[in-house]
């Protein structure tokens, strides 16, 4: 049985950011704006990347 790798996690310095699914500027997904709320994280609805607010409730670094 093949298992899928876990989604990528990014730490952000701002609570409002966008995701387009590709850091290299290639073919990703449509750009979506994401707002990190009180939980301290938000997930992209297209690619499942998780964005964590630095020093927020979900930042365990």
C-alpha atoms as a PDB file:
ATOM      1  CA  UNK A   1       0.000   0.000   0.000  1.00  0.00           C
ATOM      2  CA  UNK A   2       1.405   3.380  -1.024  1.00  0.00           C
ATOM      3  CA  UNK A   3       0.915   6.187   1.418  1.00  0.00           C
ATOM      4  CA  UNK A   4       0.718   9.823   0.434  1.00  0.00           C
ATOM      5  CA  UNK A   5       3.351  12.173   1.833  1.00  0.00           C
ATOM      6  CA  UNK A   6       2.110  14.647   4.435  1.00  0.00           C
ATOM      7  CA  UNK A   7       1.141  18.108   3.177  1.00  0.00           C
ATOM      8  CA  UNK A   8       3.835  20.755   3.131  1.00  0.00           C
ATOM      9  CA  UNK A   9       3.889  23.170   6.051  1.00  0.00           C
ATOM     10  CA  UNK A  10       5.002  26.790   5.770  1.00  0.00           C
ATOM     11  CA  UNK A  11       5.526  29.339   8.546  1.00  0.00           C
ATOM     12  CA  UNK A  12       4.333  32.827   7.670  1.00  0.00           C
ATOM     13  CA  UNK A  13       5.146  36.163   9.265  1.00  0.00           C
ATOM     14  CA  UNK A  14       1.761  37.571   8.185  1.00  0.00           C
ATOM     15  CA  UNK A  15      -1.776  36.317   8.760  1.00  0.00           C
ATOM     16  CA  UNK A  16      -2.925  37.090   5.198  1.00  0.00           C
ATOM     17  CA  UNK A  17      -1.141  35.316   2.364  1.00  0.00           C
ATOM     18  CA  UNK A  18      -1.792  33.551  -0.904  1.00  0.00           C
ATOM     19  CA  UNK A  19      -1.149  30.081  -2.245  1.00  0.00           C
ATOM     20  CA  UNK A  20      -0.827  29.154  -5.906  1.00  0.00           C
ATOM     21  CA  UNK A  21       0.494  25.634  -5.386  1.00  0.00           C
ATOM     22  CA  UNK A  22       3.919  26.176  -6.900  1.00  0.00           C
ATOM     23  CA  UNK A  23       6.821  28.108  -5.413  1.00  0.00           C
ATOM     24  CA  UNK A  24       8.783  27.981  -8.673  1.00  0.00           C
ATOM     25  CA  UNK A  25       6.148  29.843 -10.697  1.00  0.00           C
ATOM     26  CA  UNK A  26       5.143  26.870 -12.842  1.00  0.00           C
ATOM     27  CA  UNK A  27       1.803  25.139 -13.120  1.00  0.00           C
ATOM     28  CA  UNK A  28       0.178  24.999  -9.725  1.00  0.00           C
ATOM     29  CA  UNK A  29      -3.429  25.934  -9.028  1.00  0.00           C
ATOM     30  CA  UNK A  30      -5.370  29.213  -9.158  1.00  0.00           C
ATOM     31  CA  UNK A  31      -4.115  31.784  -6.656  1.00  0.00           C
ATOM     32  CA  UNK A  32      -6.223  31.796  -3.516  1.00  0.00           C
ATOM     33  CA  UNK A  33      -5.955  34.198  -0.604  1.00  0.00           C
ATOM     34  CA  UNK A  34      -5.774  32.625   2.841  1.00  0.00           C
ATOM     35  CA  UNK A  35      -6.379  34.251   6.229  1.00  0.00           C
ATOM     36  CA  UNK A  36      -4.853  32.603   9.298  1.00  0.00           C
ATOM     37  CA  UNK A  37      -7.316  32.890  12.179  1.00  0.00           C
ATOM     38  CA  UNK A  38      -7.226  32.412  15.946  1.00  0.00           C
ATOM     39  CA  UNK A  39      -6.210  28.743  15.617  1.00  0.00           C
ATOM     40  CA  UNK A  40      -2.862  29.948  14.269  1.00  0.00           C
ATOM     41  CA  UNK A  41      -2.994  27.978  11.027  1.00  0.00           C
ATOM     42  CA  UNK A  42      -4.942  27.640   7.782  1.00  0.00           C
ATOM     43  CA  UNK A  43      -4.922  25.038   5.013  1.00  0.00           C
ATOM     44  CA  UNK A  44      -5.113  25.606   1.270  1.00  0.00           C
ATOM     45  CA  UNK A  45      -8.283  24.083  -0.156  1.00  0.00           C
ATOM     46  CA  UNK A  46      -6.530  23.123  -3.396  1.00  0.00           C
ATOM     47  CA  UNK A  47      -3.201  21.576  -2.397  1.00  0.00           C
ATOM     48  CA  UNK A  48      -3.614  21.009   1.366  1.00  0.00           C
ATOM     49  CA  UNK A  49      -0.532  23.038   2.252  1.00  0.00           C
ATOM     50  CA  UNK A  50      -0.681  24.205   5.844  1.00  0.00           C
ATOM     51  CA  UNK A  51       0.297  27.761   6.708  1.00  0.00           C
ATOM     52  CA  UNK A  52       1.214  28.489  10.330  1.00  0.00           C
ATOM     53  CA  UNK A  53       1.482  31.994  11.752  1.00  0.00           C
ATOM     54  CA  UNK A  54       4.917  32.544  13.301  1.00  0.00           C
ATOM     55  CA  UNK A  55       4.611  32.870  17.076  1.00  0.00           C
ATOM     56  CA  UNK A  56       0.903  32.022  16.797  1.00  0.00           C
ATOM     57  CA  UNK A  57      -1.127  29.370  18.609  1.00  0.00           C
ATOM     58  CA  UNK A  58      -0.025  26.559  16.252  1.00  0.00           C
ATOM     59  CA  UNK A  59       3.692  27.452  16.047  1.00  0.00           C
ATOM     60  CA  UNK A  60       5.480  24.660  17.930  1.00  0.00           C
ATOM     61  CA  UNK A  61       9.023  25.583  16.880  1.00  0.00           C
END
